Protein backbone atom coordinates (compact mmCIF):
# COMPACT_ATOMS: atom_id res chain seq x y z
CA MET A 1 -0.27 0.05 0.22
CA ARG A 2 2.57 2.72 0.96
CA PHE A 3 4.94 1.66 -2.08
CA GLY A 4 1.61 2.31 -4.13
CA THR A 5 1.26 5.57 -3.28
CA LEU A 6 4.46 5.92 -3.40
CA SER A 7 4.82 5.39 -6.68
CA VAL A 8 1.89 7.07 -6.82
CA LEU A 9 2.69 10.43 -5.59
CA THR A 10 6.22 9.93 -7.84
CA GLU A 11 3.87 10.10 -10.66
CA ILE A 12 1.76 13.25 -9.91
CA PHE A 13 5.83 14.96 -8.85
CA ARG A 14 6.77 13.75 -12.59
CA VAL A 15 3.12 15.35 -13.99
CA ARG A 16 3.85 18.20 -12.02
CA PHE A 17 7.70 18.38 -12.73
CA GLY A 18 6.37 18.00 -16.21
CA THR A 19 3.42 20.95 -16.70
CA LEU A 20 6.30 23.21 -14.66
CA SER A 21 9.12 22.33 -17.40
CA VAL A 22 6.20 23.13 -19.50
CA LEU A 23 5.65 26.28 -17.88
CA THR A 24 9.07 27.27 -18.03
CA GLU A 25 8.88 26.56 -21.83
CA ILE A 26 6.37 29.11 -22.01
CA PHE A 27 7.73 31.39 -19.87
CA ARG A 28 11.01 31.01 -22.71
CA VAL A 29 9.06 31.82 -25.66
CA ARG A 30 7.06 34.76 -23.67
CA PHE A 31 10.81 36.04 -22.54
CA GLY A 32 11.80 35.85 -26.17
CA THR A 33 8.68 37.73 -27.45
CA LEU A 34 9.15 40.39 -24.44
CA SER A 35 12.95 40.51 -25.63
CA VAL A 36 11.72 40.54 -29.52
CA LEU A 37 9.12 43.29 -28.75
CA THR A 38 12.47 45.32 -26.87
CA GLU A 39 13.97 44.85 -30.00
CA ILE A 40 11.64 46.47 -31.86
CA PHE A 41 11.11 49.08 -29.39
CA HIS A 42 14.42 50.14 -29.96
CA VAL A 43 14.25 50.17 -33.83
CA ARG A 44 11.39 52.25 -33.26
CA PHE A 45 12.92 54.38 -30.81
CA GLY A 46 15.94 54.76 -32.74
CA THR A 47 14.40 55.43 -36.25
CA LEU A 48 12.46 58.04 -33.83
CA SER A 49 16.02 59.18 -32.93
CA VAL A 50 16.50 59.07 -36.29
CA LEU A 51 13.17 61.36 -36.83
CA THR A 52 13.94 64.02 -34.54
CA GLU A 53 17.71 64.61 -35.24
CA ILE A 54 15.92 65.45 -39.28
CA PHE A 55 13.48 67.65 -37.37
CA HIS A 56 16.49 69.26 -35.93
CA VAL A 57 18.28 69.28 -39.24
CA ASN A 58 14.97 70.91 -40.53
CA LEU A 59 14.38 73.06 -37.85
CA GLY A 60 17.80 74.33 -38.04
CA THR A 61 17.83 74.82 -41.95
CA LEU A 62 14.55 76.79 -41.96
CA SER A 63 16.06 78.95 -38.82
CA VAL A 64 19.22 79.74 -41.29
CA LEU A 65 16.34 80.63 -44.03
CA THR A 66 14.66 83.09 -41.95
CA GLU A 67 17.79 84.07 -40.97
CA ILE A 68 18.73 84.80 -45.03
CA PHE A 69 15.10 85.56 -45.50
CA THR A 70 15.29 88.69 -42.87
């Protein structure tokens, strides 16, 4: 009886450990998508900073043109 319940508990532990490893894999996948989203954010932030630089350049040329015009 005790050996039987021990093997049942071992099976339950294996099932739980199996679900734990599945959850770990899901977490890794989610963490992977999180890092991909972070990379996309960095790319968007990079393009935003590039657009800001272009805006600064355009604003600078605008001020230069304004100085020439006045």
